[in-house]
PDB file of N, CA and C in Angstrom:
ATOM      1  N   MET A   1     -86.823 190.613  12.899  1.00  0.00           N
ATOM      2  CA  MET A   1     -87.225 190.051  11.630  1.00  0.00           C
ATOM      3  C   MET A   1     -88.190 188.908  11.876  1.00  0.00           C
ATOM      4  N   LYS A   2     -89.228 188.855  11.106  1.00  0.00           N
ATOM      5  CA  LYS A   2     -90.212 187.796  11.261  1.00  0.00           C
ATOM      6  C   LYS A   2     -89.624 186.467  10.803  1.00  0.00           C
ATOM      7  N   ALA A   3     -89.983 185.400  11.522  1.00  0.00           N
ATOM      8  CA  ALA A   3     -89.538 184.073  11.122  1.00  0.00           C
ATOM      9  C   ALA A   3     -90.202 183.737   9.801  1.00  0.00           C
ATOM     10  N   LYS A   4     -89.394 183.531   8.799  1.00  0.00           N
ATOM     11  CA  LYS A   4     -89.903 183.297   7.457  1.00  0.00           C
ATOM     12  C   LYS A   4     -89.074 182.191   6.826  1.00  0.00           C
ATOM     13  N   LYS A   5     -89.745 181.240   6.223  1.00  0.00           N
ATOM     14  CA  LYS A   5     -89.020 180.173   5.540  1.00  0.00           C
ATOM     15  C   LYS A   5     -88.382 180.750   4.290  1.00  0.00           C
ATOM     16  N   ARG A   6     -87.076 180.567   4.163  1.00  0.00           N
ATOM     17  CA  ARG A   6     -86.380 181.026   2.967  1.00  0.00           C
ATOM     18  C   ARG A   6     -85.164 180.146   2.774  1.00  0.00           C
ATOM     19  N   ASN A   7     -84.656 180.157   1.570  1.00  0.00           N
ATOM     20  CA  ASN A   7     -83.421 179.436   1.339  1.00  0.00           C
ATOM     21  C   ASN A   7     -82.272 180.439   1.270  1.00  0.00           C
ATOM     22  N   PHE A   8     -81.083 179.926   1.131  1.00  0.00           N
ATOM     23  CA  PHE A   8     -79.886 180.768   1.142  1.00  0.00           C
ATOM     24  C   PHE A   8     -79.936 181.824   0.039  1.00  0.00           C
ATOM     25  N   GLU A   9     -80.303 181.401  -1.164  1.00  0.00           N
ATOM     26  CA  GLU A   9     -80.324 182.318  -2.303  1.00  0.00           C
ATOM     27  C   GLU A   9     -81.336 183.446  -2.093  1.00  0.00           C
ATOM     28  N   GLU A  10     -82.488 183.122  -1.548  1.00  0.00           N
ATOM     29  CA  GLU A  10     -83.492 184.152  -1.265  1.00  0.00           C
ATOM     30  C   GLU A  10     -82.964 185.146  -0.222  1.00  0.00           C
ATOM     31  N   ALA A  11     -82.291 184.622   0.782  1.00  0.00           N
ATOM     32  CA  ALA A  11     -81.743 185.482   1.829  1.00  0.00           C
ATOM     33  C   ALA A  11     -80.674 186.413   1.263  1.00  0.00           C
ATOM     34  N   ILE A  12     -79.811 185.890   0.408  1.00  0.00           N
ATOM     35  CA  ILE A  12     -78.765 186.719  -0.216  1.00  0.00           C
ATOM     36  C   ILE A  12     -79.397 187.804  -1.080  1.00  0.00           C
ATOM     37  N   ASN A  13     -80.406 187.428  -1.874  1.00  0.00           N
ATOM     38  CA  ASN A  13     -81.081 188.418  -2.716  1.00  0.00           C
ATOM     39  C   ASN A  13     -81.738 189.506  -1.874  1.00  0.00           C
ATOM     40  N   GLU A  14     -82.370 189.096  -0.790  1.00  0.00           N
ATOM     41  CA  GLU A  14     -83.009 190.073   0.096  1.00  0.00           C
ATOM     42  C   GLU A  14     -81.963 190.983   0.730  1.00  0.00           C
ATOM     43  N   LEU A  15     -80.847 190.404   1.122  1.00  0.00           N
ATOM     44  CA  LEU A  15     -79.767 191.191   1.715  1.00  0.00           C
ATOM     45  C   LEU A  15     -79.217 192.195   0.701  1.00  0.00           C
ATOM     46  N   GLU A  16     -79.051 191.777  -0.542  1.00  0.00           N
ATOM     47  CA  GLU A  16     -78.574 192.691  -1.590  1.00  0.00           C
ATOM     48  C   GLU A  16     -79.565 193.840  -1.790  1.00  0.00           C
ATOM     49  N   GLY A  17     -80.859 193.536  -1.749  1.00  0.00           N
ATOM     50  CA  GLY A  17     -81.876 194.576  -1.876  1.00  0.00           C
ATOM     51  C   GLY A  17     -81.807 195.574  -0.735  1.00  0.00           C
ATOM     52  N   ILE A  18     -81.563 195.079   0.458  1.00  0.00           N
ATOM     53  CA  ILE A  18     -81.437 195.957   1.622  1.00  0.00           C
ATOM     54  C   ILE A  18     -80.240 196.886   1.455  1.00  0.00           C
ATOM     55  N   VAL A  19     -79.132 196.340   1.005  1.00  0.00           N
ATOM     56  CA  VAL A  19     -77.932 197.156   0.806  1.00  0.00           C
ATOM     57  C   VAL A  19     -78.207 198.253  -0.220  1.00  0.00           C
ATOM     58  N   GLU A  20     -78.853 197.900  -1.318  1.00  0.00           N
ATOM     59  CA  GLU A  20     -79.173 198.896  -2.341  1.00  0.00           C
ATOM     60  C   GLU A  20     -80.058 200.007  -1.782  1.00  0.00           C
ATOM     61  N   ARG A  21     -81.074 199.624  -1.012  1.00  0.00           N
ATOM     62  CA  ARG A  21     -81.977 200.633  -0.436  1.00  0.00           C
ATOM     63  C   ARG A  21     -81.247 201.522   0.562  1.00  0.00           C
ATOM     64  N   LEU A  22     -80.381 200.929   1.379  1.00  0.00           N
ATOM     65  CA  LEU A  22     -79.625 201.728   2.339  1.00  0.00           C
ATOM     66  C   LEU A  22     -78.669 202.689   1.633  1.00  0.00           C
ATOM     67  N   GLU A  23     -78.053 202.216   0.554  1.00  0.00           N
ATOM     68  CA  GLU A  23     -77.112 203.059  -0.178  1.00  0.00           C
ATOM     69  C   GLU A  23     -77.798 204.168  -0.964  1.00  0.00           C
ATOM     70  N   SER A  24     -79.085 204.016  -1.213  1.00  0.00           N
ATOM     71  CA  SER A  24     -79.805 205.022  -2.000  1.00  0.00           C
ATOM     72  C   SER A  24     -79.882 206.360  -1.279  1.00  0.00           C
ATOM     73  N   GLY A  25     -79.864 206.333   0.044  1.00  0.00           N
ATOM     74  CA  GLY A  25     -79.938 207.556   0.817  1.00  0.00           C
ATOM     75  C   GLY A  25     -81.326 208.173   0.855  1.00  0.00           C
ATOM     76  N   GLU A  26     -82.328 207.438   0.424  1.00  0.00           N
ATOM     77  CA  GLU A  26     -83.688 207.970   0.348  1.00  0.00           C
ATOM     78  C   GLU A  26     -84.579 207.541   1.509  1.00  0.00           C
ATOM     79  N   LEU A  27     -84.023 206.869   2.483  1.00  0.00           N
ATOM     80  CA  LEU A  27     -84.813 206.357   3.604  1.00  0.00           C
ATOM     81  C   LEU A  27     -84.712 207.293   4.807  1.00  0.00           C
ATOM     82  N   THR A  28     -85.729 207.226   5.638  1.00  0.00           N
ATOM     83  CA  THR A  28     -85.651 207.950   6.902  1.00  0.00           C
ATOM     84  C   THR A  28     -84.698 207.201   7.825  1.00  0.00           C
ATOM     85  N   LEU A  29     -84.335 207.848   8.897  1.00  0.00           N
ATOM     86  CA  LEU A  29     -83.453 207.202   9.863  1.00  0.00           C
ATOM     87  C   LEU A  29     -84.097 205.938  10.425  1.00  0.00           C
ATOM     88  N   ASP A  30     -85.369 206.019  10.781  1.00  0.00           N
ATOM     89  CA  ASP A  30     -86.059 204.849  11.331  1.00  0.00           C
ATOM     90  C   ASP A  30     -86.117 203.705  10.324  1.00  0.00           C
ATOM     91  N   GLU A  31     -86.402 204.027   9.061  1.00  0.00           N
ATOM     92  CA  GLU A  31     -86.441 202.990   8.023  1.00  0.00           C
ATOM     93  C   GLU A  31     -85.060 202.363   7.843  1.00  0.00           C
ATOM     94  N   SER A  32     -84.030 203.203   7.869  1.00  0.00           N
ATOM     95  CA  SER A  32     -82.656 202.717   7.719  1.00  0.00           C
ATOM     96  C   SER A  32     -82.273 201.777   8.855  1.00  0.00           C
ATOM     97  N   ILE A  33     -82.632 202.146  10.065  1.00  0.00           N
ATOM     98  CA  ILE A  33     -82.302 201.310  11.224  1.00  0.00           C
ATOM     99  C   ILE A  33     -83.022 199.967  11.133  1.00  0.00           C
ATOM    100  N   GLU A  34     -84.294 199.998  10.768  1.00  0.00           N
ATOM    101  CA  GLU A  34     -85.050 198.751  10.648  1.00  0.00           C
ATOM    102  C   GLU A  34     -84.461 197.853   9.559  1.00  0.00           C
ATOM    103  N   LEU A  35     -84.133 198.426   8.408  1.00  0.00           N
ATOM    104  CA  LEU A  35     -83.526 197.639   7.341  1.00  0.00           C
ATOM    105  C   LEU A  35     -82.163 197.095   7.752  1.00  0.00           C
ATOM    106  N   PHE A  36     -81.389 197.932   8.455  1.00  0.00           N
ATOM    107  CA  PHE A  36     -80.083 197.493   8.924  1.00  0.00           C
ATOM    108  C   PHE A  36     -80.213 196.288   9.849  1.00  0.00           C
ATOM    109  N   GLN A  37     -81.179 196.345  10.763  1.00  0.00           N
ATOM    110  CA  GLN A  37     -81.401 195.218  11.677  1.00  0.00           C
ATOM    111  C   GLN A  37     -81.797 193.964  10.902  1.00  0.00           C
ATOM    112  N   ASN A  38     -82.673 194.125   9.914  1.00  0.00           N
ATOM    113  CA  ASN A  38     -83.049 192.978   9.076  1.00  0.00           C
ATOM    114  C   ASN A  38     -81.831 192.423   8.339  1.00  0.00           C
ATOM    115  N   GLY A  39     -80.981 193.325   7.867  1.00  0.00           N
ATOM    116  CA  GLY A  39     -79.766 192.909   7.172  1.00  0.00           C
ATOM    117  C   GLY A  39     -78.836 192.113   8.070  1.00  0.00           C
ATOM    118  N   ILE A  40     -78.709 192.527   9.310  1.00  0.00           N
ATOM    119  CA  ILE A  40     -77.867 191.801  10.272  1.00  0.00           C
ATOM    120  C   ILE A  40     -78.410 190.384  10.482  1.00  0.00           C
ATOM    121  N   GLU A  41     -79.720 190.277  10.643  1.00  0.00           N
ATOM    122  CA  GLU A  41     -80.334 188.954  10.826  1.00  0.00           C
ATOM    123  C   GLU A  41     -80.127 188.070   9.589  1.00  0.00           C
ATOM    124  N   LEU A  42     -80.284 188.649   8.409  1.00  0.00           N
ATOM    125  CA  LEU A  42     -80.068 187.881   7.182  1.00  0.00           C
ATOM    126  C   LEU A  42     -78.608 187.454   7.067  1.00  0.00           C
ATOM    127  N   SER A  43     -77.714 188.340   7.430  1.00  0.00           N
ATOM    128  CA  SER A  43     -76.290 188.024   7.395  1.00  0.00           C
ATOM    129  C   SER A  43     -75.961 186.861   8.338  1.00  0.00           C
ATOM    130  N   LYS A  44     -76.535 186.881   9.526  1.00  0.00           N
ATOM    131  CA  LYS A  44     -76.325 185.782  10.483  1.00  0.00           C
ATOM    132  C   LYS A  44     -76.868 184.471   9.920  1.00  0.00           C
ATOM    133  N   TYR A  45     -78.058 184.537   9.319  1.00  0.00           N
ATOM    134  CA  TYR A  45     -78.670 183.345   8.724  1.00  0.00           C
ATOM    135  C   TYR A  45     -77.762 182.776   7.622  1.00  0.00           C
ATOM    136  N   CYS A  46     -77.274 183.649   6.744  1.00  0.00           N
ATOM    137  CA  CYS A  46     -76.421 183.193   5.637  1.00  0.00           C
ATOM    138  C   CYS A  46     -75.116 182.593   6.154  1.00  0.00           C
ATOM    139  N   THR A  47     -74.529 183.230   7.152  1.00  0.00           N
ATOM    140  CA  THR A  47     -73.292 182.712   7.737  1.00  0.00           C
ATOM    141  C   THR A  47     -73.521 181.332   8.347  1.00  0.00           C
ATOM    142  N   LYS A  48     -74.637 181.179   9.042  1.00  0.00           N
ATOM    143  CA  LYS A  48     -74.966 179.885   9.656  1.00  0.00           C
ATOM    144  C   LYS A  48     -75.136 178.810   8.578  1.00  0.00           C
ATOM    145  N   LYS A  49     -75.851 179.149   7.496  1.00  0.00           N
ATOM    146  CA  LYS A  49     -76.058 178.182   6.419  1.00  0.00           C
ATOM    147  C   LYS A  49     -74.732 177.790   5.771  1.00  0.00           C
ATOM    148  N   LEU A  50     -73.869 178.765   5.544  1.00  0.00           N
ATOM    149  CA  LEU A  50     -72.563 178.469   4.954  1.00  0.00           C
ATOM    150  C   LEU A  50     -71.731 177.580   5.868  1.00  0.00           C
ATOM    151  N   ASP A  51     -71.779 177.842   7.159  1.00  0.00           N
ATOM    152  CA  ASP A  51     -71.058 177.002   8.123  1.00  0.00           C
ATOM    153  C   ASP A  51     -71.579 175.568   8.089  1.00  0.00           C
ATOM    154  N   GLU A  52     -72.905 175.419   8.009  1.00  0.00           N
ATOM    155  CA  GLU A  52     -73.502 174.085   7.951  1.00  0.00           C
ATOM    156  C   GLU A  52     -73.061 173.339   6.696  1.00  0.00           C
ATOM    157  N   VAL A  53     -73.053 174.034   5.576  1.00  0.00           N
ATOM    158  CA  VAL A  53     -72.667 173.407   4.316  1.00  0.00           C
ATOM    159  C   VAL A  53     -71.187 173.046   4.335  1.00  0.00           C
ATOM    160  N   GLU A  54     -70.370 173.934   4.867  1.00  0.00           N
ATOM    161  CA  GLU A  54     -68.934 173.671   4.935  1.00  0.00           C
ATOM    162  C   GLU A  54     -68.647 172.395   5.713  1.00  0.00           C
ATOM    163  N   LYS A  55     -69.406 172.158   6.765  1.00  0.00           N
ATOM    164  CA  LYS A  55     -69.209 170.947   7.564  1.00  0.00           C
ATOM    165  C   LYS A  55     -69.585 169.684   6.792  1.00  0.00           C
ATOM    166  N   LYS A  56     -70.465 169.821   5.811  1.00  0.00           N
ATOM    167  CA  LYS A  56     -70.926 168.663   5.050  1.00  0.00           C
ATOM    168  C   LYS A  56     -70.027 168.332   3.861  1.00  0.00           C
ATOM    169  N   ILE A  57     -69.287 169.319   3.397  1.00  0.00           N
ATOM    170  CA  ILE A  57     -68.487 169.118   2.186  1.00  0.00           C
ATOM    171  C   ILE A  57     -67.237 168.317   2.516  1.00  0.00           C
ATOM    172  N   SER A  58     -66.985 167.346   1.700  1.00  0.00           N
ATOM    173  CA  SER A  58     -65.729 166.616   1.813  1.00  0.00           C
ATOM    174  C   SER A  58     -65.147 166.466   0.414  1.00  0.00           C
ATOM    175  N   ILE A  59     -63.850 166.234   0.347  1.00  0.00           N
ATOM    176  CA  ILE A  59     -63.192 166.073  -0.942  1.00  0.00           C
ATOM    177  C   ILE A  59     -62.489 164.722  -0.981  1.00  0.00           C
ATOM    178  N   LEU A  60     -62.353 164.229  -2.179  1.00  0.00           N
ATOM    179  CA  LEU A  60     -61.623 162.990  -2.371  1.00  0.00           C
ATOM    180  C   LEU A  60     -60.217 163.348  -2.835  1.00  0.00           C
ATOM    181  N   ILE A  61     -59.227 162.762  -2.176  1.00  0.00           N
ATOM    182  CA  ILE A  61     -57.835 163.050  -2.480  1.00  0.00           C
ATOM    183  C   ILE A  61     -57.136 161.749  -2.849  1.00  0.00           C
ATOM    184  N   GLU A  62     -56.362 161.819  -3.926  1.00  0.00           N
ATOM    185  CA  GLU A  62     -55.561 160.658  -4.319  1.00  0.00           C
ATOM    186  C   GLU A  62     -54.164 160.866  -3.766  1.00  0.00           C
ATOM    187  N   ASP A  63     -53.716 159.911  -2.948  1.00  0.00           N
ATOM    188  CA  ASP A  63     -52.391 160.047  -2.358  1.00  0.00           C
ATOM    189  C   ASP A  63     -51.323 159.541  -3.336  1.00  0.00           C
ATOM    190  N   GLU A  64     -50.062 159.610  -2.898  1.00  0.00           N
ATOM    191  CA  GLU A  64     -48.941 159.227  -3.767  1.00  0.00           C
ATOM    192  C   GLU A  64     -48.957 157.746  -4.159  1.00  0.00           C
ATOM    193  N   LYS A  65     -49.666 156.916  -3.433  1.00  0.00           N
ATOM    194  CA  LYS A  65     -49.785 155.489  -3.760  1.00  0.00           C
ATOM    195  C   LYS A  65     -50.950 155.232  -4.710  1.00  0.00           C
ATOM    196  N   GLY A  66     -51.667 156.273  -5.077  1.00  0.00           N
ATOM    197  CA  GLY A  66     -52.806 156.117  -5.970  1.00  0.00           C
ATOM    198  C   GLY A  66     -54.092 155.729  -5.258  1.00  0.00           C
ATOM    199  N   GLU A  67     -54.060 155.721  -3.942  1.00  0.00           N
ATOM    200  CA  GLU A  67     -55.251 155.383  -3.168  1.00  0.00           C
ATOM    201  C   GLU A  67     -56.094 156.630  -2.930  1.00  0.00           C
ATOM    202  N   ILE A  68     -57.397 156.451  -2.983  1.00  0.00           N
ATOM    203  CA  ILE A  68     -58.328 157.552  -2.779  1.00  0.00           C
ATOM    204  C   ILE A  68     -58.761 157.569  -1.318  1.00  0.00           C
ATOM    205  N   ARG A  69     -58.696 158.731  -0.718  1.00  0.00           N
ATOM    206  CA  ARG A  69     -59.176 158.885   0.651  1.00  0.00           C
ATOM    207  C   ARG A  69     -60.047 160.136   0.718  1.00  0.00           C
ATOM    208  N   GLU A  70     -60.953 160.127   1.661  1.00  0.00           N
ATOM    209  CA  GLU A  70     -61.869 161.251   1.830  1.00  0.00           C
ATOM    210  C   GLU A  70     -61.393 162.129   2.975  1.00  0.00           C
ATOM    211  N   GLU A  71     -61.406 163.445   2.741  1.00  0.00           N
ATOM    212  CA  GLU A  71     -61.041 164.398   3.782  1.00  0.00           C
ATOM    213  C   GLU A  71     -62.100 165.477   3.854  1.00  0.00           C
ATOM    214  N   THR A  72     -62.181 166.085   5.005  1.00  0.00           N
ATOM    215  CA  THR A  72     -63.095 167.202   5.180  1.00  0.00           C
ATOM    216  C   THR A  72     -62.541 168.414   4.446  1.00  0.00           C
ATOM    217  N   PHE A  73     -63.392 169.113   3.749  1.00  0.00           N
ATOM    218  CA  PHE A  73     -63.008 170.308   3.022  1.00  0.00           C
ATOM    219  C   PHE A  73     -62.787 171.438   4.013  1.00  0.00           C
ATOM    220  N   LYS A  74     -61.648 172.109   3.915  1.00  0.00           N
ATOM    221  CA  LYS A  74     -61.329 173.202   4.829  1.00  0.00           C
ATOM    222  C   LYS A  74     -61.049 174.456   4.021  1.00  0.00           C
ATOM    223  N   ILE A  75     -61.571 175.569   4.512  1.00  0.00           N
ATOM    224  CA  ILE A  75     -61.338 176.850   3.876  1.00  0.00           C
ATOM    225  C   ILE A  75     -60.445 177.667   4.793  1.00  0.00           C
ATOM    226  N   ASP A  76     -59.313 178.122   4.256  1.00  0.00           N
ATOM    227  CA  ASP A  76     -58.413 178.980   5.032  1.00  0.00           C
ATOM    228  C   ASP A  76     -58.871 180.416   4.899  1.00  0.00           C
ATOM    229  N   MET A  77     -59.077 181.065   6.042  1.00  0.00           N
ATOM    230  CA  MET A  77     -59.499 182.474   6.016  1.00  0.00           C
ATOM    231  C   MET A  77     -58.524 183.304   6.769  1.00  0.00           C
TER     232      MET A  77
END
């Protein structure tokens, strides 16, 4: 995939378009493989961006004493 400046939303939209084209069944094998490879790269990019954002997110929690403290936001998977 060519190095192209894009944001997360553009990458997701492009990935959705790739999925639609692959599911259409109208592509040659070579076209399908190329799109699949592009999709993998976009998926890696999106995962990396989400990981970066997750590290930046924090939440404010009020404890039982009414004091506010900041904690890192964690997602259980």
